Amino acid sequence: MAVTEEKVEGLVFHPMDQFIIKPLFGGTHVHWYTPTNATLWMALAAAGIIALLVFGTRGRAIIPNRLQSIAELLYGMVRKMVEDVTGKDGLKYFPYVMTLFCFILFANFLALIPKSFSSTSHIAVTATLALLVFIGVTVLGFVKNGTHFLGLFWVKSAPMALRPVLAVIELISYFVRPVSHSIRLAGNVMAGHAVIKVFAAFAAVAAIAPVSILAITAMYGLEVLVALIQAYVFTILTCVYLKDALHPAH
């Protein structure tokens, strides 16, 4: 019996391949000390922050240049966010919140460069950021308020019969915070990049190439907004959790 081989032609694309972590200098195994594409783009995000906030504002001109204007805009926006949500007591933690916002913002925007790597699409990165916030505000809550921090879970405005039930719900909600905090960021970034990759694959088909290119352009514009919005959402939720640590009374 003759065996015939059929060559199947068509679109073959893997939109999730762009999220694979690979060693920078060859090889297939990734250890905890291996430089990877993820570490490279996180380092570039850190370098971009330093370039903007340190070197871009070094002159401190009365009439700022473009870099200084952008740095001052980011500084003023995040400072106002921290003060509005947490009150003046929270301003001493502004440097940490500012660092979080800038890292996520720069990582998100750098991921929009063709052939780049999206570090914030990985749950390992976003979960680390979320756990640092969760552990930090929990420790701060007990240091600042002692056992009164547990008042966060005791809803005094509710009827006494419902308070134990609400306390359990509040406790579960509290420990779910780092999960939702991290998945929201990683999920939104990953979904947007995957959709762009799918549209890009269809651009090779002549019949639908114009529609595909328009779709890519629209999605790219949307991803620019998502990059900013997700950095803002992560930061403002951090401020809300910080407020709960500083003022835990329900």
C-alpha atoms as a PDB file:
ATOM      1  CA  MET A   1       0.000   0.000   0.000  1.00  0.00           C
ATOM      2  CA  ALA A   2       1.449   3.306  -1.028  1.00  0.00           C
ATOM      3  CA  VAL A   3       1.737   5.983   1.564  1.00  0.00           C
ATOM      4  CA  THR A   4       1.118   9.480   0.269  1.00  0.00           C
ATOM      5  CA  GLU A   5       2.143  12.577   2.105  1.00  0.00           C
ATOM      6  CA  GLU A   6      -0.124  15.539   1.989  1.00  0.00           C
ATOM      7  CA  LYS A   7       1.291  18.966   2.456  1.00  0.00           C
ATOM      8  CA  VAL A   8      -1.185  21.147   4.237  1.00  0.00           C
ATOM      9  CA  GLU A   9      -0.786  24.796   3.470  1.00  0.00           C
ATOM     10  CA  GLY A  10      -2.379  27.554   5.480  1.00  0.00           C
ATOM     11  CA  LEU A  11      -1.925  29.856   8.377  1.00  0.00           C
ATOM     12  CA  VAL A  12       0.221  28.460  11.153  1.00  0.00           C
ATOM     13  CA  PHE A  13       0.774  30.860  14.022  1.00  0.00           C
ATOM     14  CA  HIS A  14       1.142  30.582  17.738  1.00  0.00           C
ATOM     15  CA  PRO A  15       0.115  33.841  19.437  1.00  0.00           C
ATOM     16  CA  MET A  16       1.383  32.649  22.827  1.00  0.00           C
ATOM     17  CA  ASP A  17       4.948  32.009  21.624  1.00  0.00           C
ATOM     18  CA  GLN A  18       5.788  35.667  22.248  1.00  0.00           C
ATOM     19  CA  PHE A  19       5.463  35.065  25.999  1.00  0.00           C
ATOM     20  CA  ILE A  20       8.035  32.254  26.177  1.00  0.00           C
ATOM     21  CA  ILE A  21      10.987  33.071  28.428  1.00  0.00           C
ATOM     22  CA  LYS A  22      14.279  32.294  26.693  1.00  0.00           C
ATOM     23  CA  PRO A  23      17.936  32.543  27.777  1.00  0.00           C
ATOM     24  CA  LEU A  24      19.698  35.536  26.274  1.00  0.00           C
ATOM     25  CA  PHE A  25      22.915  33.712  25.415  1.00  0.00           C
ATOM     26  CA  GLY A  26      21.605  30.486  23.967  1.00  0.00           C
ATOM     27  CA  GLY A  27      20.710  27.180  25.537  1.00  0.00           C
ATOM     28  CA  THR A  28      17.349  25.805  26.561  1.00  0.00           C
ATOM     29  CA  HIS A  29      17.485  25.594  30.331  1.00  0.00           C
ATOM     30  CA  VAL A  30      16.483  28.561  32.475  1.00  0.00           C
ATOM     31  CA  HIS A  31      17.789  28.671  36.022  1.00  0.00           C
ATOM     32  CA  TRP A  32      17.168  31.332  38.654  1.00  0.00           C
ATOM     33  CA  TYR A  33      20.466  33.009  37.714  1.00  0.00           C
ATOM     34  CA  THR A  34      20.057  32.776  33.913  1.00  0.00           C
ATOM     35  CA  PRO A  35      19.785  36.120  32.076  1.00  0.00           C
ATOM     36  CA  THR A  36      16.635  35.920  29.968  1.00  0.00           C
ATOM     37  CA  ASN A  37      14.583  38.091  27.657  1.00  0.00           C
ATOM     38  CA  ALA A  38      12.369  38.878  30.667  1.00  0.00           C
ATOM     39  CA  THR A  39      15.275  40.176  32.765  1.00  0.00           C
ATOM     40  CA  LEU A  40      16.575  42.165  29.812  1.00  0.00           C
ATOM     41  CA  TRP A  41      13.321  44.067  29.284  1.00  0.00           C
ATOM     42  CA  MET A  42      12.811  44.606  33.012  1.00  0.00           C
ATOM     43  CA  ALA A  43      16.332  46.035  33.172  1.00  0.00           C
ATOM     44  CA  LEU A  44      15.513  48.298  30.216  1.00  0.00           C
ATOM     45  CA  ALA A  45      12.396  49.491  32.062  1.00  0.00           C
ATOM     46  CA  ALA A  46      14.529  50.339  35.104  1.00  0.00           C
ATOM     47  CA  ALA A  47      17.061  52.115  32.874  1.00  0.00           C
ATOM     48  CA  GLY A  48      14.262  54.118  31.246  1.00  0.00           C
ATOM     49  CA  ILE A  49      12.975  55.229  34.651  1.00  0.00           C
ATOM     50  CA  ILE A  50      16.449  56.342  35.703  1.00  0.00           C
ATOM     51  CA  ALA A  51      16.957  58.179  32.419  1.00  0.00           C
ATOM     52  CA  LEU A  52      13.679  60.055  32.810  1.00  0.00           C
ATOM     53  CA  LEU A  53      13.569  60.811  36.527  1.00  0.00           C
ATOM     54  CA  VAL A  54      17.283  61.253  37.238  1.00  0.00           C
ATOM     55  CA  PHE A  55      19.013  62.439  34.093  1.00  0.00           C
ATOM     56  CA  GLY A  56      15.918  64.054  32.564  1.00  0.00           C
ATOM     57  CA  THR A  57      15.408  66.308  35.583  1.00  0.00           C
ATOM     58  CA  ARG A  58      19.050  66.932  36.462  1.00  0.00           C
ATOM     59  CA  GLY A  59      18.950  70.513  35.200  1.00  0.00           C
ATOM     60  CA  ARG A  60      15.784  71.407  37.169  1.00  0.00           C
ATOM     61  CA  ALA A  61      15.154  74.312  34.812  1.00  0.00           C
ATOM     62  CA  ILE A  62      12.485  76.894  35.613  1.00  0.00           C
ATOM     63  CA  ILE A  63      11.252  76.409  32.060  1.00  0.00           C
ATOM     64  CA  PRO A  64      11.402  72.602  31.797  1.00  0.00           C
ATOM     65  CA  ASN A  65      12.356  70.672  28.715  1.00  0.00           C
ATOM     66  CA  ARG A  66      10.207  67.823  27.429  1.00  0.00           C
ATOM     67  CA  LEU A  67      11.754  65.122  29.608  1.00  0.00           C
ATOM     68  CA  GLN A  68      11.498  67.253  32.732  1.00  0.00           C
ATOM     69  CA  SER A  69       7.882  68.101  31.899  1.00  0.00           C
ATOM     70  CA  ILE A  70       6.984  64.400  31.562  1.00  0.00           C
ATOM     71  CA  ALA A  71       8.794  63.558  34.802  1.00  0.00           C
ATOM     72  CA  GLU A  72       7.046  66.367  36.683  1.00  0.00           C
ATOM     73  CA  LEU A  73       3.678  65.317  35.261  1.00  0.00           C
ATOM     74  CA  LEU A  74       4.154  61.719  36.452  1.00  0.00           C
ATOM     75  CA  TYR A  75       5.441  62.871  39.827  1.00  0.00           C
ATOM     76  CA  GLY A  76       2.530  65.252  40.390  1.00  0.00           C
ATOM     77  CA  MET A  77      -0.093  62.737  39.238  1.00  0.00           C
ATOM     78  CA  VAL A  78       1.107  59.911  41.494  1.00  0.00           C
ATOM     79  CA  ARG A  79       1.679  62.216  44.486  1.00  0.00           C
ATOM     80  CA  LYS A  80      -1.856  63.602  44.171  1.00  0.00           C
ATOM     81  CA  MET A  81      -3.222  60.056  43.871  1.00  0.00           C
ATOM     82  CA  VAL A  82      -1.457  58.977  47.061  1.00  0.00           C
ATOM     83  CA  GLU A  83      -2.572  62.065  48.987  1.00  0.00           C
ATOM     84  CA  ASP A  84      -6.181  61.893  47.782  1.00  0.00           C
ATOM     85  CA  VAL A  85      -6.606  58.200  48.628  1.00  0.00           C
ATOM     86  CA  THR A  86      -4.484  57.737  51.738  1.00  0.00           C
ATOM     87  CA  GLY A  87      -4.345  61.267  53.146  1.00  0.00           C
ATOM     88  CA  LYS A  88      -1.211  63.119  54.158  1.00  0.00           C
ATOM     89  CA  ASP A  89      -0.166  60.177  56.355  1.00  0.00           C
ATOM     90  CA  GLY A  90       0.432  58.148  53.214  1.00  0.00           C
ATOM     91  CA  LEU A  91       2.820  60.609  51.556  1.00  0.00           C
ATOM     92  CA  LYS A  92       5.814  59.075  53.331  1.00  0.00           C
ATOM     93  CA  TYR A  93       5.183  55.927  51.260  1.00  0.00           C
ATOM     94  CA  PHE A  94       4.971  57.894  48.023  1.00  0.00           C
ATOM     95  CA  PRO A  95       8.463  56.823  46.770  1.00  0.00           C
ATOM     96  CA  TYR A  96       7.455  53.144  46.808  1.00  0.00           C
ATOM     97  CA  VAL A  97       4.136  53.824  45.059  1.00  0.00           C
ATOM     98  CA  MET A  98       5.887  55.996  42.484  1.00  0.00           C
ATOM     99  CA  THR A  99       8.418  53.230  41.825  1.00  0.00           C
ATOM    100  CA  LEU A 100       5.640  50.696  41.289  1.00  0.00           C
ATOM    101  CA  PHE A 101       3.757  52.960  38.890  1.00  0.00           C
ATOM    102  CA  CYS A 102       6.827  53.854  36.829  1.00  0.00           C
ATOM    103  CA  PHE A 103       8.052  50.264  36.553  1.00  0.00           C
ATOM    104  CA  ILE A 104       4.694  48.931  35.359  1.00  0.00           C
ATOM    105  CA  LEU A 105       4.194  51.894  33.022  1.00  0.00           C
ATOM    106  CA  PHE A 106       7.618  51.588  31.401  1.00  0.00           C
ATOM    107  CA  ALA A 107       7.399  47.786  31.170  1.00  0.00           C
ATOM    108  CA  ASN A 108       3.986  48.059  29.495  1.00  0.00           C
ATOM    109  CA  PHE A 109       5.110  50.692  26.993  1.00  0.00           C
ATOM    110  CA  LEU A 110       8.384  48.936  26.136  1.00  0.00           C
ATOM    111  CA  ALA A 111       6.358  45.796  25.389  1.00  0.00           C
ATOM    112  CA  LEU A 112       4.669  47.677  22.542  1.00  0.00           C
ATOM    113  CA  ILE A 113       7.953  47.867  20.626  1.00  0.00           C
ATOM    114  CA  PRO A 114       8.037  45.227  17.847  1.00  0.00           C
ATOM    115  CA  LYS A 115      10.117  42.143  18.769  1.00  0.00           C
ATOM    116  CA  SER A 116      10.150  43.203  22.434  1.00  0.00           C
ATOM    117  CA  PHE A 117       9.092  41.105  25.426  1.00  0.00           C
ATOM    118  CA  SER A 118       6.196  41.860  27.749  1.00  0.00           C
ATOM    119  CA  SER A 119       7.443  41.197  31.286  1.00  0.00           C
ATOM    120  CA  THR A 120       4.166  42.315  32.889  1.00  0.00           C
ATOM    121  CA  SER A 121       2.289  39.611  30.969  1.00  0.00           C
ATOM    122  CA  HIS A 122       3.875  37.012  33.264  1.00  0.00           C
ATOM    123  CA  ILE A 123       2.094  36.194  36.481  1.00  0.00           C
ATOM    124  CA  ALA A 124       5.465  35.595  38.165  1.00  0.00           C
ATOM    125  CA  VAL A 125       6.289  39.292  37.771  1.00  0.00           C
ATOM    126  CA  THR A 126       2.882  40.717  38.625  1.00  0.00           C
ATOM    127  CA  ALA A 127       2.377  38.275  41.512  1.00  0.00           C
ATOM    128  CA  THR A 128       5.707  39.350  43.008  1.00  0.00           C
ATOM    129  CA  LEU A 129       4.671  43.002  42.807  1.00  0.00           C
ATOM    130  CA  ALA A 130       1.249  42.214  44.286  1.00  0.00           C
ATOM    131  CA  LEU A 131       2.691  40.085  47.115  1.00  0.00           C
ATOM    132  CA  LEU A 132       5.158  42.832  48.035  1.00  0.00           C
ATOM    133  CA  VAL A 133       2.229  45.241  48.326  1.00  0.00           C
ATOM    134  CA  PHE A 134       0.084  42.734  50.247  1.00  0.00           C
ATOM    135  CA  ILE A 135       2.794  41.775  52.742  1.00  0.00           C
ATOM    136  CA  GLY A 136       3.948  45.376  53.091  1.00  0.00           C
ATOM    137  CA  VAL A 137       0.535  46.842  53.894  1.00  0.00           C
ATOM    138  CA  THR A 138      -0.326  43.946  56.229  1.00  0.00           C
ATOM    139  CA  VAL A 139       2.864  44.390  58.251  1.00  0.00           C
ATOM    140  CA  LEU A 140       2.371  48.159  58.211  1.00  0.00           C
ATOM    141  CA  GLY A 141      -1.212  47.760  59.420  1.00  0.00           C
ATOM    142  CA  PHE A 142      -0.163  45.756  62.472  1.00  0.00           C
ATOM    143  CA  VAL A 143       2.865  47.980  63.197  1.00  0.00           C
ATOM    144  CA  LYS A 144       0.786  51.170  63.027  1.00  0.00           C
ATOM    145  CA  ASN A 145      -2.401  49.932  64.679  1.00  0.00           C
ATOM    146  CA  GLY A 146      -1.602  46.719  66.550  1.00  0.00           C
ATOM    147  CA  THR A 147      -4.637  44.505  67.047  1.00  0.00           C
ATOM    148  CA  HIS A 148      -6.874  47.418  66.042  1.00  0.00           C
ATOM    149  CA  PHE A 149      -5.912  46.545  62.465  1.00  0.00           C
ATOM    150  CA  LEU A 150      -8.298  43.593  62.770  1.00  0.00           C
ATOM    151  CA  GLY A 151     -11.099  46.159  62.881  1.00  0.00           C
ATOM    152  CA  LEU A 152     -10.777  46.167  59.113  1.00  0.00           C
ATOM    153  CA  PHE A 153     -12.659  42.855  59.107  1.00  0.00           C
ATOM    154  CA  TRP A 154     -15.286  43.786  61.705  1.00  0.00           C
ATOM    155  CA  VAL A 155     -18.126  45.787  60.134  1.00  0.00           C
ATOM    156  CA  LYS A 156     -19.455  47.815  63.064  1.00  0.00           C
ATOM    157  CA  SER A 157     -22.204  49.405  60.999  1.00  0.00           C
ATOM    158  CA  ALA A 158     -23.839  46.009  60.318  1.00  0.00           C
ATOM    159  CA  PRO A 159     -26.284  44.249  62.690  1.00  0.00           C
ATOM    160  CA  MET A 160     -24.512  42.163  65.321  1.00  0.00           C
ATOM    161  CA  ALA A 161     -25.924  38.893  63.966  1.00  0.00           C
ATOM    162  CA  LEU A 162     -24.357  39.557  60.550  1.00  0.00           C
ATOM    163  CA  ARG A 163     -20.955  40.735  61.743  1.00  0.00           C
ATOM    164  CA  PRO A 164     -19.346  37.268  62.090  1.00  0.00           C
ATOM    165  CA  VAL A 165     -20.501  36.306  58.592  1.00  0.00           C
ATOM    166  CA  LEU A 166     -19.257  39.585  57.147  1.00  0.00           C
ATOM    167  CA  ALA A 167     -15.959  39.144  59.000  1.00  0.00           C
ATOM    168  CA  VAL A 168     -15.381  35.823  57.218  1.00  0.00           C
ATOM    169  CA  ILE A 169     -16.266  37.408  53.867  1.00  0.00           C
ATOM    170  CA  GLU A 170     -13.961  40.376  54.529  1.00  0.00           C
ATOM    171  CA  LEU A 171     -11.141  38.028  55.548  1.00  0.00           C
ATOM    172  CA  ILE A 172     -11.468  35.962  52.372  1.00  0.00           C
ATOM    173  CA  SER A 173     -11.681  39.136  50.309  1.00  0.00           C
ATOM    174  CA  TYR A 174      -8.512  40.438  51.962  1.00  0.00           C
ATOM    175  CA  PHE A 175      -6.463  37.343  51.146  1.00  0.00           C
ATOM    176  CA  VAL A 176      -7.756  37.295  47.566  1.00  0.00           C
ATOM    177  CA  ARG A 177      -6.338  40.780  47.013  1.00  0.00           C
ATOM    178  CA  PRO A 178      -2.897  39.723  45.721  1.00  0.00           C
ATOM    179  CA  VAL A 179      -4.518  37.216  43.347  1.00  0.00           C
ATOM    180  CA  SER A 180      -6.864  39.735  41.741  1.00  0.00           C
ATOM    181  CA  HIS A 181      -4.192  42.449  41.894  1.00  0.00           C
ATOM    182  CA  SER A 182      -1.726  40.372  39.870  1.00  0.00           C
ATOM    183  CA  ILE A 183      -4.082  38.543  37.474  1.00  0.00           C
ATOM    184  CA  ARG A 184      -5.809  41.765  36.405  1.00  0.00           C
ATOM    185  CA  LEU A 185      -2.543  43.266  35.163  1.00  0.00           C
ATOM    186  CA  ALA A 186      -1.051  40.123  33.595  1.00  0.00           C
ATOM    187  CA  GLY A 187      -4.326  39.057  31.990  1.00  0.00           C
ATOM    188  CA  ASN A 188      -5.050  42.384  30.329  1.00  0.00           C
ATOM    189  CA  VAL A 189      -1.536  42.784  28.967  1.00  0.00           C
ATOM    190  CA  MET A 190      -1.332  39.192  27.707  1.00  0.00           C
ATOM    191  CA  ALA A 191      -4.758  39.285  26.050  1.00  0.00           C
ATOM    192  CA  GLY A 192      -4.014  42.462  24.124  1.00  0.00           C
ATOM    193  CA  HIS A 193      -0.671  41.241  22.784  1.00  0.00           C
ATOM    194  CA  ALA A 194      -2.138  37.869  21.813  1.00  0.00           C
ATOM    195  CA  VAL A 195      -4.942  39.529  19.830  1.00  0.00           C
ATOM    196  CA  ILE A 196      -2.455  41.754  17.979  1.00  0.00           C
ATOM    197  CA  LYS A 197      -0.410  38.653  17.063  1.00  0.00           C
ATOM    198  CA  VAL A 198      -3.540  36.927  15.705  1.00  0.00           C
ATOM    199  CA  PHE A 199      -4.424  39.925  13.539  1.00  0.00           C
ATOM    200  CA  ALA A 200      -0.801  40.160  12.352  1.00  0.00           C
ATOM    201  CA  ALA A 201      -0.908  36.547  11.160  1.00  0.00           C
ATOM    202  CA  PHE A 202      -3.914  37.307   8.947  1.00  0.00           C
ATOM    203  CA  ALA A 203      -2.064  40.256   7.375  1.00  0.00           C
ATOM    204  CA  ALA A 204      -0.213  37.735   5.193  1.00  0.00           C
ATOM    205  CA  VAL A 205      -3.470  36.818   3.430  1.00  0.00           C
ATOM    206  CA  ALA A 206      -3.894  39.235   0.531  1.00  0.00           C
ATOM    207  CA  ALA A 207      -7.703  39.107   0.549  1.00  0.00           C
ATOM    208  CA  ILE A 208      -8.051  40.306   4.130  1.00  0.00           C
ATOM    209  CA  ALA A 209      -4.728  42.122   4.591  1.00  0.00           C
ATOM    210  CA  PRO A 210      -6.248  45.668   4.576  1.00  0.00           C
ATOM    211  CA  VAL A 211      -8.823  44.720   7.207  1.00  0.00           C
ATOM    212  CA  SER A 212      -6.140  43.009   9.282  1.00  0.00           C
ATOM    213  CA  ILE A 213      -3.859  46.043   9.146  1.00  0.00           C
ATOM    214  CA  LEU A 214      -6.711  48.316  10.255  1.00  0.00           C
ATOM    215  CA  ALA A 215      -7.485  45.916  13.104  1.00  0.00           C
ATOM    216  CA  ILE A 216      -3.831  45.877  14.187  1.00  0.00           C
ATOM    217  CA  THR A 217      -3.723  49.677  14.161  1.00  0.00           C
ATOM    218  CA  ALA A 218      -6.883  49.912  16.254  1.00  0.00           C
ATOM    219  CA  MET A 219      -5.667  47.267  18.722  1.00  0.00           C
ATOM    220  CA  TYR A 220      -2.277  48.933  19.007  1.00  0.00           C
ATOM    221  CA  GLY A 221      -3.935  52.233  19.868  1.00  0.00           C
ATOM    222  CA  LEU A 222      -6.075  50.433  22.435  1.00  0.00           C
ATOM    223  CA  GLU A 223      -2.997  48.752  23.928  1.00  0.00           C
ATOM    224  CA  VAL A 224      -1.352  52.147  24.409  1.00  0.00           C
ATOM    225  CA  LEU A 225      -4.333  53.118  26.571  1.00  0.00           C
ATOM    226  CA  VAL A 226      -4.307  49.743  28.337  1.00  0.00           C
ATOM    227  CA  ALA A 227      -0.606  50.163  29.175  1.00  0.00           C
ATOM    228  CA  LEU A 228      -1.356  53.434  30.958  1.00  0.00           C
ATOM    229  CA  ILE A 229      -4.673  52.397  32.497  1.00  0.00           C
ATOM    230  CA  GLN A 230      -3.348  49.130  33.946  1.00  0.00           C
ATOM    231  CA  ALA A 231      -0.401  50.924  35.554  1.00  0.00           C
ATOM    232  CA  TYR A 232      -2.868  53.432  37.015  1.00  0.00           C
ATOM    233  CA  VAL A 233      -5.270  50.729  38.253  1.00  0.00           C
ATOM    234  CA  PHE A 234      -2.481  48.724  39.920  1.00  0.00           C
ATOM    235  CA  THR A 235      -1.198  51.879  41.612  1.00  0.00           C
ATOM    236  CA  ILE A 236      -4.529  53.196  42.822  1.00  0.00           C
ATOM    237  CA  LEU A 237      -5.425  49.781  44.261  1.00  0.00           C
ATOM    238  CA  THR A 238      -2.091  49.872  46.083  1.00  0.00           C
ATOM    239  CA  CYS A 239      -3.107  53.245  47.512  1.00  0.00           C
ATOM    240  CA  VAL A 240      -6.479  51.827  48.617  1.00  0.00           C
ATOM    241  CA  TYR A 241      -4.762  48.942  50.402  1.00  0.00           C
ATOM    242  CA  LEU A 242      -2.337  51.392  51.983  1.00  0.00           C
ATOM    243  CA  LYS A 243      -5.261  53.477  53.233  1.00  0.00           C
ATOM    244  CA  ASP A 244      -6.759  50.376  54.852  1.00  0.00           C
ATOM    245  CA  ALA A 245      -3.454  49.757  56.640  1.00  0.00           C
ATOM    246  CA  LEU A 246      -3.229  53.343  57.901  1.00  0.00           C
ATOM    247  CA  HIS A 247      -6.943  53.755  58.751  1.00  0.00           C
ATOM    248  CA  PRO A 248      -8.383  50.258  59.283  1.00  0.00           C
ATOM    249  CA  ALA A 249     -11.648  51.179  61.011  1.00  0.00           C
ATOM    250  CA  HIS A 250     -14.670  50.131  58.938  1.00  0.00           C
END
